[in-house]
Amino acid sequence: MSQYGLNATLSETEMDMPPPSDPSPWLPFQSRRRARDEKREAVLRAAVALFLEQGYHRATLTEVAERLNITKPALYNYFRGKDEILFECWAMGQERVDDLIAGINAEGGTGLVKLRRLVRAYGEVMATDFGASLVRFDVRDLSDKNAEVVRAAKRSIDHTFRGYITEGISDGSIKPCDAKLAAFAIAGSLNWIGHWYRSDGPLSPKAISEEFTDRLTEGLARRPAGAKPRVRLSR
């Protein structure tokens, strides 16, 4: 499995490709939500936990079935194969990102405000199993069709980060900078949360996301002349 997961499979050229004109053409998320039931989601929760613990290739559907106390053939009532389960685990994480971006856009605000909201929310998503599935698994394990779906979604997330930064530069809330490089730096840092976060660690997802929000956006914020940087009190 690739050390850098799905995110590393996109070249700089691919990331520069424009996002689809439809905000979410790659996944009919609302249809997927209606189609899922509790048993189907239980399979995904068990599978993503096992894939993250053991690695996708080492984990077996037999082990997934054992965790659910069902037979392996019963899994095929919900999924056609292991790679489809992997894709659906990714889709669950992507749904969360899609929802948070929609909420940020609905709330409005300056480019900096939107960027900070995105960093905070995205960081929290990365500290979940389905969030980690966005970056921990290899796109080459998916079908060609589903792999392209993943690449399209990742390009859209990248363009959202860039868009907020560009908007902030235009409205004066963010200092002039290279929006592309800034977006790469921010998203790359956040994606690594999905690699190193442990639920039994000393910090909660909220604490981590708040710290990352300050660290990753403080240097971009444009302040009035003479204003001092904000200092956070230690916990």
C-alpha atoms as a PDB file:
ATOM      1  CA  MET A   1       0.000   0.000   0.000  1.00  0.00           C
ATOM      2  CA  SER A   2       1.267   3.438  -0.840  1.00  0.00           C
ATOM      3  CA  GLN A   3       2.781   5.251   2.141  1.00  0.00           C
ATOM      4  CA  TYR A   4       0.895   8.391   1.249  1.00  0.00           C
ATOM      5  CA  GLY A   5      -2.413   6.758   0.353  1.00  0.00           C
ATOM      6  CA  LEU A   6      -4.953   7.981  -2.155  1.00  0.00           C
ATOM      7  CA  ASN A   7      -3.793  11.582  -2.008  1.00  0.00           C
ATOM      8  CA  ALA A   8      -0.300  10.745  -3.280  1.00  0.00           C
ATOM      9  CA  THR A   9      -1.607   9.216  -6.495  1.00  0.00           C
ATOM     10  CA  LEU A  10      -2.530  12.630  -7.886  1.00  0.00           C
ATOM     11  CA  SER A  11       0.203  14.471  -9.734  1.00  0.00           C
ATOM     12  CA  GLU A  12       0.529  18.245  -9.604  1.00  0.00           C
ATOM     13  CA  THR A  13      -0.856  18.375 -13.139  1.00  0.00           C
ATOM     14  CA  GLU A  14      -3.900  16.344 -12.128  1.00  0.00           C
ATOM     15  CA  MET A  15      -4.533  18.607  -9.159  1.00  0.00           C
ATOM     16  CA  ASP A  16      -4.423  21.622 -11.471  1.00  0.00           C
ATOM     17  CA  MET A  17      -7.242  20.227 -13.588  1.00  0.00           C
ATOM     18  CA  PRO A  18     -10.464  22.219 -13.121  1.00  0.00           C
ATOM     19  CA  PRO A  19     -13.083  20.630 -10.870  1.00  0.00           C
ATOM     20  CA  PRO A  20     -16.298  19.349 -12.447  1.00  0.00           C
ATOM     21  CA  SER A  21     -18.896  22.036 -13.169  1.00  0.00           C
ATOM     22  CA  ASP A  22     -21.451  20.150 -11.087  1.00  0.00           C
ATOM     23  CA  PRO A  23     -20.382  20.383  -7.405  1.00  0.00           C
ATOM     24  CA  SER A  24     -20.840  16.653  -6.818  1.00  0.00           C
ATOM     25  CA  PRO A  25     -21.195  14.785 -10.097  1.00  0.00           C
ATOM     26  CA  TRP A  26     -19.011  11.856  -9.091  1.00  0.00           C
ATOM     27  CA  LEU A  27     -21.237  10.473  -6.333  1.00  0.00           C
ATOM     28  CA  PRO A  28     -25.026  10.614  -6.034  1.00  0.00           C
ATOM     29  CA  PHE A  29     -24.632  11.053  -2.281  1.00  0.00           C
ATOM     30  CA  GLN A  30     -28.323  11.551  -1.483  1.00  0.00           C
ATOM     31  CA  SER A  31     -29.168   8.350  -3.350  1.00  0.00           C
ATOM     32  CA  ARG A  32     -26.447   6.512  -1.474  1.00  0.00           C
ATOM     33  CA  ARG A  33     -27.778   7.707   1.866  1.00  0.00           C
ATOM     34  CA  ARG A  34     -31.258   6.449   1.039  1.00  0.00           C
ATOM     35  CA  ALA A  35     -29.889   3.121  -0.121  1.00  0.00           C
ATOM     36  CA  ARG A  36     -27.838   2.445   2.989  1.00  0.00           C
ATOM     37  CA  ASP A  37     -29.408   0.755   5.965  1.00  0.00           C
ATOM     38  CA  GLU A  38     -28.041   0.050   9.410  1.00  0.00           C
ATOM     39  CA  LYS A  39     -26.700  -3.377   8.506  1.00  0.00           C
ATOM     40  CA  ARG A  40     -24.905  -2.074   5.443  1.00  0.00           C
ATOM     41  CA  GLU A  41     -23.281   0.719   7.423  1.00  0.00           C
ATOM     42  CA  ALA A  42     -22.314  -1.760  10.126  1.00  0.00           C
ATOM     43  CA  VAL A  43     -20.381  -3.694   7.484  1.00  0.00           C
ATOM     44  CA  LEU A  44     -18.595  -0.508   6.429  1.00  0.00           C
ATOM     45  CA  ARG A  45     -17.716   0.463  10.000  1.00  0.00           C
ATOM     46  CA  ALA A  46     -16.273  -2.977  10.690  1.00  0.00           C
ATOM     47  CA  ALA A  47     -14.449  -3.080   7.366  1.00  0.00           C
ATOM     48  CA  VAL A  48     -12.841   0.363   7.583  1.00  0.00           C
ATOM     49  CA  ALA A  49     -11.616  -0.356  11.124  1.00  0.00           C
ATOM     50  CA  LEU A  50     -10.086  -3.645   9.974  1.00  0.00           C
ATOM     51  CA  PHE A  51      -8.544  -2.124   6.836  1.00  0.00           C
ATOM     52  CA  LEU A  52      -6.927   0.629   8.901  1.00  0.00           C
ATOM     53  CA  GLU A  53      -5.638  -1.796  11.517  1.00  0.00           C
ATOM     54  CA  GLN A  54      -4.228  -4.476   9.226  1.00  0.00           C
ATOM     55  CA  GLY A  55      -3.950  -2.837   5.819  1.00  0.00           C
ATOM     56  CA  TYR A  56      -6.345  -3.417   2.959  1.00  0.00           C
ATOM     57  CA  HIS A  57      -4.462  -6.336   1.409  1.00  0.00           C
ATOM     58  CA  ARG A  58      -3.957  -8.255   4.647  1.00  0.00           C
ATOM     59  CA  ALA A  59      -7.521  -7.860   5.850  1.00  0.00           C
ATOM     60  CA  THR A  60     -10.021 -10.430   4.601  1.00  0.00           C
ATOM     61  CA  LEU A  61     -13.769 -10.418   4.177  1.00  0.00           C
ATOM     62  CA  THR A  62     -13.866 -13.480   6.416  1.00  0.00           C
ATOM     63  CA  GLU A  63     -12.461 -11.338   9.234  1.00  0.00           C
ATOM     64  CA  VAL A  64     -14.984  -8.607   8.511  1.00  0.00           C
ATOM     65  CA  ALA A  65     -17.786 -11.172   8.724  1.00  0.00           C
ATOM     66  CA  GLU A  66     -16.392 -12.578  11.986  1.00  0.00           C
ATOM     67  CA  ARG A  67     -16.390  -9.121  13.570  1.00  0.00           C
ATOM     68  CA  LEU A  68     -20.051  -8.790  12.672  1.00  0.00           C
ATOM     69  CA  ASN A  69     -20.870 -12.365  13.712  1.00  0.00           C
ATOM     70  CA  ILE A  70     -22.302 -13.159  10.290  1.00  0.00           C
ATOM     71  CA  THR A  71     -21.263 -15.490   7.477  1.00  0.00           C
ATOM     72  CA  LYS A  72     -19.007 -14.309   4.666  1.00  0.00           C
ATOM     73  CA  PRO A  73     -21.701 -14.993   2.000  1.00  0.00           C
ATOM     74  CA  ALA A  74     -24.001 -12.633   3.913  1.00  0.00           C
ATOM     75  CA  LEU A  75     -21.658  -9.756   3.040  1.00  0.00           C
ATOM     76  CA  TYR A  76     -22.528 -10.215  -0.619  1.00  0.00           C
ATOM     77  CA  ASN A  77     -26.082  -9.145   0.152  1.00  0.00           C
ATOM     78  CA  TYR A  78     -24.651  -5.650   0.471  1.00  0.00           C
ATOM     79  CA  PHE A  79     -21.483  -5.525  -1.615  1.00  0.00           C
ATOM     80  CA  ARG A  80     -20.149  -7.281  -4.686  1.00  0.00           C
ATOM     81  CA  GLY A  81     -16.582  -7.527  -3.467  1.00  0.00           C
ATOM     82  CA  LYS A  82     -13.795  -6.226  -1.277  1.00  0.00           C
ATOM     83  CA  ASP A  83     -12.848  -3.370  -3.600  1.00  0.00           C
ATOM     84  CA  GLU A  84     -16.436  -2.106  -3.576  1.00  0.00           C
ATOM     85  CA  ILE A  85     -16.342  -2.050   0.234  1.00  0.00           C
ATOM     86  CA  LEU A  86     -13.115  -0.061   0.076  1.00  0.00           C
ATOM     87  CA  PHE A  87     -14.705   2.462  -2.268  1.00  0.00           C
ATOM     88  CA  GLU A  88     -17.798   2.782  -0.087  1.00  0.00           C
ATOM     89  CA  CYS A  89     -15.602   3.426   2.973  1.00  0.00           C
ATOM     90  CA  TRP A  90     -13.994   6.262   1.009  1.00  0.00           C
ATOM     91  CA  ALA A  91     -17.450   7.487  -0.031  1.00  0.00           C
ATOM     92  CA  MET A  92     -18.562   7.705   3.599  1.00  0.00           C
ATOM     93  CA  GLY A  93     -15.604   9.952   4.374  1.00  0.00           C
ATOM     94  CA  GLN A  94     -16.176  12.021   1.238  1.00  0.00           C
ATOM     95  CA  GLU A  95     -19.810  12.570   2.180  1.00  0.00           C
ATOM     96  CA  ARG A  96     -18.686  14.175   5.411  1.00  0.00           C
ATOM     97  CA  VAL A  97     -16.317  16.508   3.574  1.00  0.00           C
ATOM     98  CA  ASP A  98     -18.978  17.344   1.004  1.00  0.00           C
ATOM     99  CA  ASP A  99     -21.449  18.201   3.746  1.00  0.00           C
ATOM    100  CA  LEU A 100     -19.051  20.418   5.669  1.00  0.00           C
ATOM    101  CA  ILE A 101     -18.081  22.365   2.527  1.00  0.00           C
ATOM    102  CA  ALA A 102     -21.757  22.885   1.685  1.00  0.00           C
ATOM    103  CA  GLY A 103     -22.339  24.188   5.206  1.00  0.00           C
ATOM    104  CA  ILE A 104     -19.364  26.561   5.027  1.00  0.00           C
ATOM    105  CA  ASN A 105     -20.541  27.964   1.708  1.00  0.00           C
ATOM    106  CA  ALA A 106     -24.044  28.461   3.090  1.00  0.00           C
ATOM    107  CA  GLU A 107     -22.755  30.371   6.126  1.00  0.00           C
ATOM    108  CA  GLY A 108     -20.669  32.739   4.014  1.00  0.00           C
ATOM    109  CA  GLY A 109     -18.012  35.083   5.393  1.00  0.00           C
ATOM    110  CA  THR A 110     -14.615  36.253   4.232  1.00  0.00           C
ATOM    111  CA  GLY A 111     -12.175  33.940   2.519  1.00  0.00           C
ATOM    112  CA  LEU A 112     -10.188  33.645   5.758  1.00  0.00           C
ATOM    113  CA  VAL A 113     -13.283  32.794   7.778  1.00  0.00           C
ATOM    114  CA  LYS A 114     -14.244  30.074   5.292  1.00  0.00           C
ATOM    115  CA  LEU A 115     -10.691  28.731   5.204  1.00  0.00           C
ATOM    116  CA  ARG A 116     -10.498  28.516   8.992  1.00  0.00           C
ATOM    117  CA  ARG A 117     -13.844  26.741   9.143  1.00  0.00           C
ATOM    118  CA  LEU A 118     -12.711  24.270   6.507  1.00  0.00           C
ATOM    119  CA  VAL A 119      -9.389  23.570   8.219  1.00  0.00           C
ATOM    120  CA  ARG A 120     -11.111  23.002  11.562  1.00  0.00           C
ATOM    121  CA  ALA A 121     -13.854  20.746  10.191  1.00  0.00           C
ATOM    122  CA  TYR A 122     -11.591  18.839   7.794  1.00  0.00           C
ATOM    123  CA  GLY A 123      -9.103  18.203  10.617  1.00  0.00           C
ATOM    124  CA  GLU A 124     -11.827  16.656  12.735  1.00  0.00           C
ATOM    125  CA  VAL A 125     -12.968  14.458   9.848  1.00  0.00           C
ATOM    126  CA  MET A 126      -9.413  13.208   9.372  1.00  0.00           C
ATOM    127  CA  ALA A 127      -9.450  11.937  12.964  1.00  0.00           C
ATOM    128  CA  THR A 128     -12.270   9.492  12.148  1.00  0.00           C
ATOM    129  CA  ASP A 129     -11.991   6.088  10.494  1.00  0.00           C
ATOM    130  CA  PHE A 130     -13.965   7.123   7.437  1.00  0.00           C
ATOM    131  CA  GLY A 131     -11.982  10.351   7.222  1.00  0.00           C
ATOM    132  CA  ALA A 132      -8.709   8.427   7.351  1.00  0.00           C
ATOM    133  CA  SER A 133      -9.985   6.260   4.505  1.00  0.00           C
ATOM    134  CA  LEU A 134      -9.694   9.331   2.265  1.00  0.00           C
ATOM    135  CA  VAL A 135      -5.903   9.254   2.568  1.00  0.00           C
ATOM    136  CA  ARG A 136      -4.791   5.867   3.892  1.00  0.00           C
ATOM    137  CA  PHE A 137      -5.774   3.591   1.005  1.00  0.00           C
ATOM    138  CA  ASP A 138      -4.359   3.195  -2.484  1.00  0.00           C
ATOM    139  CA  VAL A 139      -6.485   4.304  -5.419  1.00  0.00           C
ATOM    140  CA  ARG A 140      -4.903   1.520  -7.494  1.00  0.00           C
ATOM    141  CA  ASP A 141      -6.918  -1.006  -5.482  1.00  0.00           C
ATOM    142  CA  LEU A 142     -10.133   0.414  -6.941  1.00  0.00           C
ATOM    143  CA  SER A 143     -11.724  -0.184 -10.326  1.00  0.00           C
ATOM    144  CA  ASP A 144     -10.745   2.312 -13.013  1.00  0.00           C
ATOM    145  CA  LYS A 145     -14.172   3.940 -12.799  1.00  0.00           C
ATOM    146  CA  ASN A 146     -14.086   4.334  -9.032  1.00  0.00           C
ATOM    147  CA  ALA A 147     -10.457   5.466  -9.084  1.00  0.00           C
ATOM    148  CA  GLU A 148     -11.415   8.342 -11.366  1.00  0.00           C
ATOM    149  CA  VAL A 149     -14.291   9.209  -9.048  1.00  0.00           C
ATOM    150  CA  VAL A 150     -11.777   9.511  -6.198  1.00  0.00           C
ATOM    151  CA  ARG A 151      -9.380  11.629  -8.259  1.00  0.00           C
ATOM    152  CA  ALA A 152     -12.185  13.980  -9.274  1.00  0.00           C
ATOM    153  CA  ALA A 153     -13.268  14.408  -5.665  1.00  0.00           C
ATOM    154  CA  LYS A 154      -9.722  15.153  -4.527  1.00  0.00           C
ATOM    155  CA  ARG A 155      -9.299  17.758  -7.236  1.00  0.00           C
ATOM    156  CA  SER A 156     -12.504  19.398  -6.074  1.00  0.00           C
ATOM    157  CA  ILE A 157     -11.316  19.527  -2.436  1.00  0.00           C
ATOM    158  CA  ASP A 158      -8.021  21.053  -3.545  1.00  0.00           C
ATOM    159  CA  HIS A 159      -9.822  23.678  -5.601  1.00  0.00           C
ATOM    160  CA  THR A 160     -12.049  24.484  -2.615  1.00  0.00           C
ATOM    161  CA  PHE A 161      -8.998  25.232  -0.465  1.00  0.00           C
ATOM    162  CA  ARG A 162      -7.501  27.321  -3.262  1.00  0.00           C
ATOM    163  CA  GLY A 163     -10.802  29.079  -3.835  1.00  0.00           C
ATOM    164  CA  TYR A 164     -11.124  30.214  -0.227  1.00  0.00           C
ATOM    165  CA  ILE A 165      -7.534  31.447  -0.205  1.00  0.00           C
ATOM    166  CA  THR A 166      -8.001  33.311  -3.485  1.00  0.00           C
ATOM    167  CA  GLU A 167     -11.244  34.796  -2.175  1.00  0.00           C
ATOM    168  CA  GLY A 168      -9.456  35.912   0.981  1.00  0.00           C
ATOM    169  CA  ILE A 169      -6.746  37.630  -1.031  1.00  0.00           C
ATOM    170  CA  SER A 170      -9.422  39.462  -3.028  1.00  0.00           C
ATOM    171  CA  ASP A 171     -11.431  40.573   0.011  1.00  0.00           C
ATOM    172  CA  GLY A 172      -8.313  41.552   1.978  1.00  0.00           C
ATOM    173  CA  SER A 173      -8.615  38.994   4.775  1.00  0.00           C
ATOM    174  CA  ILE A 174      -5.621  36.966   3.515  1.00  0.00           C
ATOM    175  CA  LYS A 175      -2.216  38.314   2.604  1.00  0.00           C
ATOM    176  CA  PRO A 176      -1.133  37.978  -1.053  1.00  0.00           C
ATOM    177  CA  CYS A 177       0.403  34.544  -1.548  1.00  0.00           C
ATOM    178  CA  ASP A 178       0.598  31.631  -3.962  1.00  0.00           C
ATOM    179  CA  ALA A 179      -2.844  30.099  -3.399  1.00  0.00           C
ATOM    180  CA  LYS A 180      -1.833  26.795  -4.959  1.00  0.00           C
ATOM    181  CA  LEU A 181       1.184  26.284  -2.699  1.00  0.00           C
ATOM    182  CA  ALA A 182      -0.699  27.462   0.363  1.00  0.00           C
ATOM    183  CA  ALA A 183      -3.503  24.998  -0.383  1.00  0.00           C
ATOM    184  CA  PHE A 184      -1.005  22.157  -0.850  1.00  0.00           C
ATOM    185  CA  ALA A 185       0.679  22.967   2.476  1.00  0.00           C
ATOM    186  CA  ILE A 186      -2.588  23.141   4.385  1.00  0.00           C
ATOM    187  CA  ALA A 187      -4.245  20.070   2.874  1.00  0.00           C
ATOM    188  CA  GLY A 188      -1.047  18.040   3.133  1.00  0.00           C
ATOM    189  CA  SER A 189      -0.745  18.806   6.850  1.00  0.00           C
ATOM    190  CA  LEU A 190      -4.381  17.959   7.486  1.00  0.00           C
ATOM    191  CA  ASN A 191      -4.240  14.722   5.501  1.00  0.00           C
ATOM    192  CA  TRP A 192      -1.422  13.459   7.700  1.00  0.00           C
ATOM    193  CA  ILE A 193      -3.770  13.552  10.695  1.00  0.00           C
ATOM    194  CA  GLY A 194      -5.404  10.523   9.097  1.00  0.00           C
ATOM    195  CA  HIS A 195      -2.059   8.706   9.263  1.00  0.00           C
ATOM    196  CA  TRP A 196      -0.899   9.450  12.796  1.00  0.00           C
ATOM    197  CA  TYR A 197      -4.036  10.126  14.855  1.00  0.00           C
ATOM    198  CA  ARG A 198      -4.892   7.526  17.495  1.00  0.00           C
ATOM    199  CA  SER A 199      -8.149   7.576  19.426  1.00  0.00           C
ATOM    200  CA  ASP A 200      -6.294   6.678  22.642  1.00  0.00           C
ATOM    201  CA  GLY A 201      -3.894   9.611  22.259  1.00  0.00           C
ATOM    202  CA  PRO A 202      -3.711  12.616  24.608  1.00  0.00           C
ATOM    203  CA  LEU A 203      -5.588  15.066  22.350  1.00  0.00           C
ATOM    204  CA  SER A 204      -9.160  14.958  21.114  1.00  0.00           C
ATOM    205  CA  PRO A 205     -10.025  15.514  17.428  1.00  0.00           C
ATOM    206  CA  LYS A 206     -11.447  18.918  18.364  1.00  0.00           C
ATOM    207  CA  ALA A 207      -8.273  19.984  20.189  1.00  0.00           C
ATOM    208  CA  ILE A 208      -6.110  18.842  17.283  1.00  0.00           C
ATOM    209  CA  SER A 209      -8.241  20.600  14.676  1.00  0.00           C
ATOM    210  CA  GLU A 210      -8.260  23.845  16.652  1.00  0.00           C
ATOM    211  CA  GLU A 211      -4.481  23.769  17.009  1.00  0.00           C
ATOM    212  CA  PHE A 212      -4.034  23.051  13.296  1.00  0.00           C
ATOM    213  CA  THR A 213      -6.435  25.859  12.420  1.00  0.00           C
ATOM    214  CA  ASP A 214      -4.274  28.364  14.294  1.00  0.00           C
ATOM    215  CA  ARG A 215      -0.960  27.001  13.011  1.00  0.00           C
ATOM    216  CA  LEU A 216      -2.018  26.717   9.379  1.00  0.00           C
ATOM    217  CA  THR A 217      -3.893  29.986   8.949  1.00  0.00           C
ATOM    218  CA  GLU A 218      -2.151  32.422  11.311  1.00  0.00           C
ATOM    219  CA  GLY A 219       0.557  33.269   8.791  1.00  0.00           C
ATOM    220  CA  LEU A 220      -1.986  33.889   6.028  1.00  0.00           C
ATOM    221  CA  ALA A 221      -4.206  36.302   7.932  1.00  0.00           C
ATOM    222  CA  ARG A 222      -3.867  39.951   7.015  1.00  0.00           C
ATOM    223  CA  ARG A 223      -3.873  42.246  10.056  1.00  0.00           C
ATOM    224  CA  PRO A 224      -4.167  45.994  10.409  1.00  0.00           C
ATOM    225  CA  ALA A 225      -0.852  47.806  10.760  1.00  0.00           C
ATOM    226  CA  GLY A 226       0.498  47.476  14.275  1.00  0.00           C
ATOM    227  CA  ALA A 227      -1.784  44.608  15.252  1.00  0.00           C
ATOM    228  CA  LYS A 228      -0.122  41.858  17.260  1.00  0.00           C
ATOM    229  CA  PRO A 229      -0.456  38.159  16.393  1.00  0.00           C
ATOM    230  CA  ARG A 230      -3.055  36.311  18.423  1.00  0.00           C
ATOM    231  CA  VAL A 231      -1.584  34.268  21.264  1.00  0.00           C
ATOM    232  CA  ARG A 232      -3.388  31.173  22.472  1.00  0.00           C
ATOM    233  CA  LEU A 233      -3.274  30.317  26.152  1.00  0.00           C
ATOM    234  CA  SER A 234      -1.929  26.880  26.972  1.00  0.00           C
ATOM    235  CA  ARG A 235      -4.472  24.365  28.145  1.00  0.00           C
END
